Amino acid sequence: MSANGDFRTPAQHDTDRIQYSSALRRLDGVTQVVAVGERMLLHNRLTHTIKVAQLSRRISQYLLHSHSGLDLDPDAAEAAGLAHDLGHPPFGHIAEHALNDVMKPYTDGYEGNAQSFRIVTKLARSRHEAGLHLTDRTLNGILKYPWMHGTEGAPSKKKWGAYASEQPDFDRVRKGADPFIKSLEAEVMDWADDISYAVHDLQDFYRAGIIPLELLRDREDDREEFVGRVLGDLEEPLHPDMPHVSPDDALSTLSNIFNLTQVTSTETGSMAHRDQVSRMGSKLINHFVQQTSVNAQGLFDVPAQGRLQVHILKQLTWQHVIQNPALATVQKGQVALIEELFKTLYAWLEKEKKLQRLPTRLRELESFIRSDEPESAIEARRARAVGDYLSSLTENQALDLAARLKGTTFSSIQDSWLAT
């Protein structure tokens, strides 16, 4: 216990600060795969995040149990899991890409992971100060992509961990670390994220009758068509351990998954079906947790077969849900809405003389950045403020704001969320 009577470790402080932040609460109103508000009980970004944090702790505990003397902090891994998706804008990844496209002419774009890092280091509030004051170990654990935008030789150009505005925090956190090598806590969190996406989204859409596991199990033609789509969508190797995946590899992996899931055709919504879905998830998660190890060089390790299994599971959701025309048409509209919101708010910031008329949060963000960055970078400042503002909204708030700005709402002056 510390001198002031606090029994928590520094990383436990981090966990508590993130759990009490409005940035985490907002995720209850943000898409995981399909929009918040579907009639089925599906994961949203908050429930996904809670499970990633829980899995990060359990994987850490498993590794500490199986590897003596390992330098790994389960509290920091859990905190990283809680923080990893704070930067997701309304409507998830499609809005992330849309914001990146509209912001690139002004600044270094928009990336959900970099936005998460910006939120915990600058935008969220703790003790009446900017940022949550997390430990460097937790901040390093958040960095799934430990490089800056445009860094030469980075493993990915589409993903990065921090904006130029957070360069000092990034440099401090990464001091002494090997370039492009994630910390052990970040590796654990990243694998927990993959497992949660693969298993919990599969459970959602199998339960809803959208992913037909029993048909894929029983029909060879369906399996081959699915595998063909999966391999056709591969733009780059899944992992350095898997430079090439053959159709036979993918079909064999799919068969192994059926052995793990043991799906049977039961009436959707029945007690037997619900039990089956629960057992399937539990068995898959235990399997993937126990795939983890740390090699002789002290690096996190998952066998290539385990990574391929997770990829195939994620592709079940991708091919049957995300590529579904019914979802694609909704997403097309969501992209247009986010792009229009950005352009309208940017123009408003540019032209408005009486800043008091702006939404309070947007006005304060613009003022905050003005005091923090060079006055010469006016366009970049405005663009970043609008991106920060939009990433602070729930999906319902984004829809309401769009209706207000188009004059198609019955909302009242007494609606207070825009002024608080």
Protein backbone atom coordinates (compact mmCIF):
# COMPACT_ATOMS: atom_id res chain seq x y z
CA MET A 1 0.00 0.00 0.00
CA SER A 2 1.30 3.45 -0.94
CA ALA A 3 1.97 6.25 1.55
CA ASN A 4 -1.40 7.84 0.75
CA GLY A 5 -3.24 4.59 1.47
CA ASP A 6 -3.93 3.64 -2.16
CA PHE A 7 -3.73 -0.13 -2.62
CA ARG A 8 -3.87 -0.02 -6.45
CA THR A 9 -0.95 -0.57 -8.80
CA PRO A 10 -0.25 2.15 -11.41
CA ALA A 11 -1.83 0.03 -14.14
CA GLN A 12 -4.92 -0.55 -11.98
CA HIS A 13 -5.21 3.24 -11.76
CA ASP A 14 -5.14 3.24 -15.58
CA THR A 15 -7.96 0.70 -15.77
CA ASP A 16 -10.13 2.71 -13.38
CA ARG A 17 -9.58 5.99 -15.22
CA ILE A 18 -10.54 4.45 -18.56
CA GLN A 19 -13.60 2.72 -17.07
CA TYR A 20 -14.87 6.02 -15.65
CA SER A 21 -14.26 8.02 -18.85
CA SER A 22 -17.06 9.28 -21.07
CA ALA A 23 -14.99 8.07 -24.04
CA LEU A 24 -15.60 4.47 -22.94
CA ARG A 25 -19.30 5.01 -22.19
CA ARG A 26 -19.80 6.44 -25.69
CA LEU A 27 -18.93 3.06 -27.23
CA ASP A 28 -22.33 1.78 -26.10
CA GLY A 29 -23.71 3.82 -29.00
CA VAL A 30 -21.17 2.76 -31.67
CA THR A 31 -21.27 -0.09 -34.20
CA GLN A 32 -19.35 -3.30 -33.79
CA VAL A 33 -20.41 -4.93 -37.09
CA VAL A 34 -23.98 -3.72 -37.68
CA ALA A 35 -25.56 -0.50 -36.49
CA VAL A 36 -26.61 -0.03 -32.89
CA GLY A 37 -30.34 -0.59 -32.51
CA GLU A 38 -30.80 -3.83 -34.45
CA ARG A 39 -33.70 -5.89 -33.12
CA MET A 40 -31.39 -8.83 -32.38
CA LEU A 41 -29.24 -8.63 -29.24
CA LEU A 42 -25.83 -8.12 -30.87
CA HIS A 43 -22.47 -6.89 -29.63
CA ASN A 44 -21.82 -3.18 -29.86
CA ARG A 45 -18.40 -1.57 -29.58
CA LEU A 46 -18.63 -1.34 -25.78
CA THR A 47 -19.49 -5.00 -25.15
CA HIS A 48 -16.77 -5.98 -27.62
CA THR A 49 -14.30 -3.76 -25.74
CA ILE A 50 -15.22 -5.24 -22.35
CA LYS A 51 -14.56 -8.73 -23.68
CA VAL A 52 -11.25 -7.71 -25.26
CA ALA A 53 -10.14 -6.33 -21.88
CA GLN A 54 -11.24 -9.51 -20.08
CA LEU A 55 -9.49 -11.74 -22.63
CA SER A 56 -6.33 -9.63 -22.42
CA ARG A 57 -6.19 -10.30 -18.68
CA ARG A 58 -6.85 -14.04 -19.10
CA ILE A 59 -4.24 -14.47 -21.84
CA SER A 60 -1.73 -12.61 -19.66
CA GLN A 61 -2.52 -14.88 -16.72
CA TYR A 62 -2.19 -17.97 -18.91
CA LEU A 63 1.23 -16.82 -20.16
CA LEU A 64 2.45 -15.97 -16.66
CA HIS A 65 1.31 -19.41 -15.50
CA SER A 66 3.13 -21.19 -18.33
CA HIS A 67 6.29 -19.02 -18.47
CA SER A 68 8.09 -18.30 -15.22
CA GLY A 69 9.73 -14.90 -14.79
CA LEU A 70 7.85 -13.32 -17.69
CA ASP A 71 7.80 -9.50 -17.70
CA LEU A 72 4.10 -9.01 -18.42
CA ASP A 73 1.55 -6.90 -16.53
CA PRO A 74 -2.05 -8.25 -16.74
CA ASP A 75 -3.40 -4.93 -15.43
CA ALA A 76 -1.68 -2.97 -18.21
CA ALA A 77 -2.90 -5.48 -20.81
CA GLU A 78 -6.46 -5.15 -19.49
CA ALA A 79 -6.24 -1.35 -19.54
CA ALA A 80 -4.95 -1.46 -23.12
CA GLY A 81 -7.92 -3.66 -24.04
CA LEU A 82 -10.32 -1.12 -22.55
CA ALA A 83 -8.69 1.76 -24.45
CA HIS A 84 -7.97 0.16 -27.80
CA ASP A 85 -11.23 1.16 -29.56
CA LEU A 86 -11.94 4.54 -27.98
CA GLY A 87 -11.10 6.22 -31.29
CA HIS A 88 -13.74 4.41 -33.33
CA PRO A 89 -16.06 7.03 -34.87
CA PRO A 90 -19.81 6.54 -35.29
CA PHE A 91 -20.55 3.64 -37.69
CA GLY A 92 -17.16 1.99 -37.15
CA HIS A 93 -14.52 1.21 -39.77
CA ILE A 94 -16.37 2.58 -42.79
CA ALA A 95 -16.60 6.01 -41.13
CA GLU A 96 -12.94 5.74 -40.13
CA HIS A 97 -11.99 5.35 -43.80
CA ALA A 98 -14.34 8.16 -44.82
CA LEU A 99 -12.85 10.55 -42.26
CA ASN A 100 -9.35 9.63 -43.37
CA ASP A 101 -10.23 10.51 -46.97
CA VAL A 102 -11.75 13.92 -46.15
CA MET A 103 -9.05 14.87 -43.62
CA LYS A 104 -5.97 13.92 -45.65
CA PRO A 105 -5.90 17.18 -47.65
CA TYR A 106 -5.49 19.10 -44.38
CA THR A 107 -3.57 16.89 -41.97
CA ASP A 108 -2.18 13.38 -41.47
CA GLY A 109 -5.60 11.81 -41.89
CA TYR A 110 -7.70 9.83 -39.47
CA GLU A 111 -6.97 6.39 -38.02
CA GLY A 112 -8.96 4.78 -35.20
CA ASN A 113 -5.92 3.50 -33.33
CA ALA A 114 -4.14 6.85 -33.56
CA GLN A 115 -7.37 8.52 -32.39
CA SER A 116 -7.51 6.19 -29.37
CA PHE A 117 -3.95 7.23 -28.46
CA ARG A 118 -4.90 10.90 -28.90
CA ILE A 119 -7.98 10.52 -26.70
CA VAL A 120 -6.14 9.01 -23.73
CA THR A 121 -3.15 11.36 -23.99
CA LYS A 122 -4.97 14.64 -24.77
CA LEU A 123 -8.73 14.73 -25.25
CA ALA A 124 -10.14 12.77 -22.30
CA ARG A 125 -10.11 14.53 -18.94
CA SER A 126 -8.75 13.41 -15.59
CA ARG A 127 -8.33 15.54 -12.49
CA HIS A 128 -9.40 18.64 -14.50
CA GLU A 129 -6.45 18.15 -16.84
CA ALA A 130 -6.05 17.04 -20.44
CA GLY A 131 -5.46 13.32 -20.89
CA LEU A 132 -5.97 10.37 -18.55
CA HIS A 133 -2.35 10.34 -17.34
CA LEU A 134 -1.90 6.64 -18.07
CA THR A 135 1.39 4.89 -17.41
CA ASP A 136 3.82 4.52 -20.30
CA ARG A 137 3.45 0.75 -20.09
CA THR A 138 -0.29 0.96 -20.69
CA LEU A 139 0.17 3.54 -23.45
CA ASN A 140 2.69 1.25 -25.14
CA GLY A 141 0.18 -1.57 -24.76
CA ILE A 142 -2.42 0.43 -26.71
CA LEU A 143 -0.06 0.72 -29.70
CA LYS A 144 -1.12 -2.17 -31.95
CA TYR A 145 0.69 -0.32 -34.73
CA PRO A 146 3.78 1.20 -33.07
CA TRP A 147 4.74 3.65 -35.80
CA MET A 148 3.74 7.09 -37.02
CA HIS A 149 1.90 7.90 -40.23
CA GLY A 150 4.23 7.67 -43.24
CA THR A 151 7.11 6.07 -41.34
CA GLU A 152 9.57 4.55 -43.81
CA GLY A 153 9.64 0.75 -43.68
CA ALA A 154 6.51 0.42 -41.53
CA PRO A 155 4.75 -2.96 -41.91
CA SER A 156 1.50 -1.22 -42.98
CA LYS A 157 0.77 2.10 -44.68
CA LYS A 158 -2.96 1.86 -43.94
CA LYS A 159 -2.58 1.59 -40.16
CA TRP A 160 -0.57 3.63 -37.69
CA GLY A 161 -0.50 4.26 -33.97
CA ALA A 162 -0.26 8.02 -33.44
CA TYR A 163 -0.70 11.34 -35.22
CA ALA A 164 2.10 13.89 -35.56
CA SER A 165 0.37 15.94 -32.84
CA GLU A 166 1.12 13.14 -30.35
CA GLN A 167 4.72 12.61 -31.47
CA PRO A 168 6.24 13.61 -28.08
CA ASP A 169 4.03 11.13 -26.19
CA PHE A 170 4.73 8.43 -28.77
CA ASP A 171 8.50 8.99 -28.61
CA ARG A 172 8.50 8.87 -24.80
CA VAL A 173 6.44 5.69 -24.65
CA ARG A 174 8.51 3.93 -27.33
CA LYS A 175 11.92 5.06 -26.06
CA GLY A 176 14.34 2.13 -26.21
CA ALA A 177 11.86 -0.18 -27.98
CA ASP A 178 12.72 -1.98 -31.21
CA PRO A 179 11.09 -0.18 -34.17
CA PHE A 180 7.81 -1.76 -35.30
CA ILE A 181 7.92 -4.40 -32.52
CA LYS A 182 4.84 -4.31 -30.28
CA SER A 183 5.17 -4.59 -26.53
CA LEU A 184 4.08 -7.88 -24.97
CA GLU A 185 0.94 -6.21 -23.57
CA ALA A 186 0.09 -4.86 -27.04
CA GLU A 187 0.55 -8.32 -28.57
CA VAL A 188 -1.74 -9.82 -25.95
CA MET A 189 -4.38 -7.12 -26.50
CA ASP A 190 -4.17 -7.51 -30.29
CA TRP A 191 -4.69 -11.29 -30.09
CA ALA A 192 -7.57 -10.79 -27.64
CA ASP A 193 -9.12 -8.35 -30.12
CA ASP A 194 -8.80 -10.89 -32.94
CA ILE A 195 -10.32 -13.66 -30.82
CA SER A 196 -13.24 -11.48 -29.74
CA TYR A 197 -13.97 -10.36 -33.29
CA ALA A 198 -13.70 -13.93 -34.59
CA VAL A 199 -15.76 -15.68 -31.91
CA HIS A 200 -18.29 -13.22 -30.54
CA ASP A 201 -19.37 -11.87 -33.92
CA LEU A 202 -19.67 -15.45 -35.18
CA GLN A 203 -21.91 -16.26 -32.22
CA ASP A 204 -24.07 -13.20 -32.92
CA PHE A 205 -24.72 -13.99 -36.55
CA TYR A 206 -24.92 -17.76 -36.23
CA ARG A 207 -27.55 -17.20 -33.53
CA ALA A 208 -29.36 -14.82 -35.89
CA GLY A 209 -29.35 -17.42 -38.68
CA ILE A 210 -27.16 -15.29 -40.98
CA ILE A 211 -23.97 -17.41 -40.89
CA PRO A 212 -25.00 -20.95 -42.01
CA LEU A 213 -22.34 -23.03 -40.29
CA GLU A 214 -24.25 -26.30 -40.72
CA LEU A 215 -24.55 -25.74 -44.49
CA LEU A 216 -20.84 -25.03 -44.81
CA ARG A 217 -20.16 -28.18 -42.81
CA ASP A 218 -22.41 -30.40 -44.95
CA ARG A 219 -22.01 -28.99 -48.47
CA GLU A 220 -18.66 -29.28 -50.20
CA ASP A 221 -19.58 -26.80 -52.94
CA ASP A 222 -20.51 -24.16 -50.35
CA ARG A 223 -17.19 -24.68 -48.54
CA GLU A 224 -15.18 -24.33 -51.75
CA GLU A 225 -17.07 -21.19 -52.79
CA PHE A 226 -16.51 -19.63 -49.36
CA VAL A 227 -12.78 -20.45 -49.37
CA GLY A 228 -12.45 -19.03 -52.88
CA ARG A 229 -13.95 -15.71 -51.73
CA VAL A 230 -11.73 -15.64 -48.65
CA LEU A 231 -8.52 -16.16 -50.60
CA GLY A 232 -9.65 -13.79 -53.33
CA ASP A 233 -10.01 -10.97 -50.78
CA LEU A 234 -6.47 -11.40 -49.39
CA GLU A 235 -4.53 -8.24 -50.29
CA GLU A 236 -1.41 -9.09 -48.27
CA PRO A 237 -0.08 -12.03 -46.24
CA LEU A 238 -2.03 -12.75 -43.06
CA HIS A 239 1.20 -12.90 -41.07
CA PRO A 240 4.94 -13.27 -41.76
CA ASP A 241 4.57 -16.94 -40.72
CA MET A 242 2.01 -17.41 -43.52
CA PRO A 243 3.35 -15.89 -46.76
CA HIS A 244 0.95 -18.07 -48.75
CA VAL A 245 -2.34 -19.83 -47.96
CA SER A 246 -3.47 -22.50 -50.42
CA PRO A 247 -7.11 -23.56 -50.98
CA ASP A 248 -6.27 -26.92 -49.40
CA ASP A 249 -4.87 -25.16 -46.31
CA ALA A 250 -8.02 -23.05 -45.97
CA LEU A 251 -10.39 -26.01 -46.51
CA SER A 252 -8.49 -28.09 -43.95
CA THR A 253 -8.65 -25.22 -41.47
CA LEU A 254 -12.38 -24.87 -42.04
CA SER A 255 -12.82 -28.58 -41.27
CA ASN A 256 -10.81 -28.17 -38.07
CA ILE A 257 -13.11 -25.31 -37.06
CA PHE A 258 -16.16 -27.54 -37.50
CA ASN A 259 -14.50 -30.09 -35.22
CA LEU A 260 -14.04 -27.35 -32.63
CA THR A 261 -17.51 -25.85 -32.94
CA GLN A 262 -19.48 -29.12 -33.34
CA VAL A 263 -22.41 -27.28 -34.88
CA THR A 264 -25.71 -29.10 -35.32
CA SER A 265 -28.94 -28.01 -36.94
CA THR A 266 -31.31 -26.98 -34.15
CA GLU A 267 -34.22 -24.58 -34.02
CA THR A 268 -32.93 -21.00 -33.87
CA GLY A 269 -33.77 -19.42 -30.52
CA SER A 270 -34.40 -22.72 -28.76
CA MET A 271 -32.72 -23.54 -25.45
CA ALA A 272 -30.68 -26.25 -27.21
CA HIS A 273 -29.49 -23.77 -29.85
CA ARG A 274 -28.56 -21.17 -27.23
CA ASP A 275 -26.59 -23.78 -25.27
CA GLN A 276 -24.83 -24.85 -28.46
CA VAL A 277 -23.81 -21.28 -29.29
CA SER A 278 -22.51 -20.74 -25.76
CA ARG A 279 -20.47 -23.96 -25.77
CA MET A 280 -19.10 -23.14 -29.21
CA GLY A 281 -17.80 -19.77 -28.01
CA SER A 282 -16.31 -21.16 -24.82
CA LYS A 283 -14.51 -23.96 -26.63
CA LEU A 284 -13.09 -21.67 -29.31
CA ILE A 285 -11.88 -19.07 -26.82
CA ASN A 286 -10.16 -21.65 -24.63
CA HIS A 287 -8.53 -23.12 -27.73
CA PHE A 288 -7.16 -19.76 -28.90
CA VAL A 289 -5.97 -18.67 -25.46
CA GLN A 290 -4.02 -21.90 -25.13
CA GLN A 291 -2.44 -21.37 -28.56
CA THR A 292 -0.35 -18.51 -27.12
CA SER A 293 3.23 -18.73 -25.92
CA VAL A 294 6.40 -16.66 -25.66
CA ASN A 295 9.39 -17.83 -27.69
CA ALA A 296 13.07 -17.98 -26.74
CA GLN A 297 13.56 -14.37 -27.88
CA GLY A 298 10.81 -13.20 -25.51
CA LEU A 299 8.36 -12.49 -28.34
CA PHE A 300 4.67 -13.33 -28.34
CA ASP A 301 3.91 -16.37 -30.47
CA VAL A 302 0.81 -18.01 -31.96
CA PRO A 303 1.16 -20.96 -34.38
CA ALA A 304 0.36 -20.22 -38.02
CA GLN A 305 -2.54 -22.68 -37.89
CA GLY A 306 -4.11 -20.77 -34.98
CA ARG A 307 -3.84 -17.46 -36.84
CA LEU A 308 -5.39 -19.01 -39.94
CA GLN A 309 -8.28 -20.42 -37.88
CA VAL A 310 -9.01 -16.98 -36.45
CA HIS A 311 -8.83 -15.43 -39.91
CA ILE A 312 -11.29 -17.98 -41.32
CA LEU A 313 -13.70 -17.28 -38.44
CA LYS A 314 -13.46 -13.53 -39.04
CA GLN A 315 -14.10 -14.13 -42.73
CA LEU A 316 -17.34 -15.93 -41.93
CA THR A 317 -18.64 -12.61 -40.58
CA TRP A 318 -17.04 -10.63 -43.38
CA GLN A 319 -18.44 -12.73 -46.23
CA HIS A 320 -21.93 -13.40 -44.83
CA VAL A 321 -22.61 -10.11 -43.00
CA ILE A 322 -20.36 -7.22 -44.02
CA GLN A 323 -20.54 -8.07 -47.73
CA ASN A 324 -24.31 -8.51 -47.52
CA PRO A 325 -26.06 -6.02 -49.87
CA ALA A 326 -28.59 -5.19 -47.12
CA LEU A 327 -25.74 -3.93 -44.91
CA ALA A 328 -23.78 -2.43 -47.81
CA THR A 329 -26.61 -0.06 -48.73
CA VAL A 330 -26.87 1.17 -45.14
CA GLN A 331 -23.10 1.68 -44.96
CA LYS A 332 -23.12 3.65 -48.21
CA GLY A 333 -25.49 6.10 -46.60
CA GLN A 334 -23.46 6.24 -43.38
CA VAL A 335 -20.31 7.12 -45.31
CA ALA A 336 -22.14 9.92 -47.12
CA LEU A 337 -23.50 11.21 -43.79
CA ILE A 338 -20.04 11.32 -42.14
CA GLU A 339 -18.46 13.01 -45.17
CA GLU A 340 -21.23 15.62 -45.28
CA LEU A 341 -20.97 16.26 -41.53
CA PHE A 342 -17.23 16.85 -41.81
CA LYS A 343 -17.56 19.24 -44.77
CA THR A 344 -20.42 21.19 -43.20
CA LEU A 345 -18.74 21.57 -39.81
CA TYR A 346 -15.39 22.48 -41.34
CA ALA A 347 -17.03 25.20 -43.45
CA TRP A 348 -18.94 26.45 -40.40
CA LEU A 349 -15.72 26.70 -38.37
CA GLU A 350 -14.10 28.53 -41.27
CA LYS A 351 -16.87 31.12 -41.77
CA GLU A 352 -18.57 31.58 -38.40
CA LYS A 353 -17.69 34.88 -36.73
CA LYS A 354 -19.66 34.26 -33.53
CA LEU A 355 -18.07 31.08 -32.24
CA GLN A 356 -20.65 30.88 -29.44
CA ARG A 357 -23.11 29.57 -32.03
CA LEU A 358 -21.00 26.47 -32.68
CA PRO A 359 -21.68 23.22 -30.77
CA THR A 360 -19.94 23.70 -27.45
CA ARG A 361 -17.69 20.65 -27.72
CA LEU A 362 -16.54 21.59 -31.24
CA ARG A 363 -15.77 25.15 -30.18
CA GLU A 364 -13.73 23.96 -27.19
CA LEU A 365 -11.81 21.41 -29.27
CA GLU A 366 -10.86 24.04 -31.83
CA SER A 367 -9.74 26.38 -29.05
CA PHE A 368 -7.81 23.56 -27.33
CA ILE A 369 -5.90 22.72 -30.50
CA ARG A 370 -5.24 26.40 -31.22
CA SER A 371 -3.39 26.71 -27.93
CA ASP A 372 -1.46 23.51 -28.55
CA GLU A 373 -0.34 23.76 -32.18
CA PRO A 374 1.18 26.44 -34.45
CA GLU A 375 -1.21 29.23 -35.43
CA SER A 376 0.04 28.87 -39.01
CA ALA A 377 -1.55 25.42 -39.34
CA ILE A 378 -5.10 26.82 -39.45
CA GLU A 379 -6.59 24.32 -41.88
CA ALA A 380 -5.01 21.36 -40.11
CA ARG A 381 -6.28 22.70 -36.78
CA ARG A 382 -9.84 23.00 -38.02
CA ALA A 383 -9.81 19.57 -39.66
CA ARG A 384 -8.45 17.89 -36.56
CA ALA A 385 -11.01 19.64 -34.35
CA VAL A 386 -13.87 18.42 -36.56
CA GLY A 387 -12.43 14.89 -36.61
CA ASP A 388 -12.10 14.93 -32.82
CA TYR A 389 -15.66 16.21 -32.48
CA LEU A 390 -17.20 13.61 -34.78
CA SER A 391 -15.29 10.81 -33.05
CA SER A 392 -16.84 11.90 -29.74
CA LEU A 393 -20.41 11.31 -30.97
CA THR A 394 -22.63 8.26 -30.70
CA GLU A 395 -24.41 7.14 -33.84
CA ASN A 396 -27.73 8.58 -32.68
CA GLN A 397 -26.04 11.91 -32.00
CA ALA A 398 -24.46 11.88 -35.48
CA LEU A 399 -27.85 11.17 -37.07
CA ASP A 400 -29.51 13.92 -35.03
CA LEU A 401 -26.75 16.42 -35.88
CA ALA A 402 -27.05 15.62 -39.61
CA ALA A 403 -30.81 16.19 -39.49
CA ARG A 404 -30.32 19.51 -37.65
CA LEU A 405 -27.80 20.75 -40.19
CA LYS A 406 -30.14 19.86 -43.05
CA GLY A 407 -33.17 21.45 -41.39
CA THR A 408 -35.08 18.17 -41.35
CA THR A 409 -35.51 17.69 -37.62
CA PHE A 410 -38.20 18.42 -35.06
CA SER A 411 -35.56 18.70 -32.34
CA SER A 412 -36.02 21.43 -29.79
CA ILE A 413 -33.82 24.22 -28.48
CA GLN A 414 -34.26 22.45 -25.15
CA ASP A 415 -32.27 19.44 -26.46
CA SER A 416 -29.15 20.01 -24.42
CA TRP A 417 -26.58 17.52 -25.75
CA LEU A 418 -25.13 19.93 -28.31
CA ALA A 419 -24.54 22.56 -25.62
CA THR A 420 -22.81 20.30 -23.10
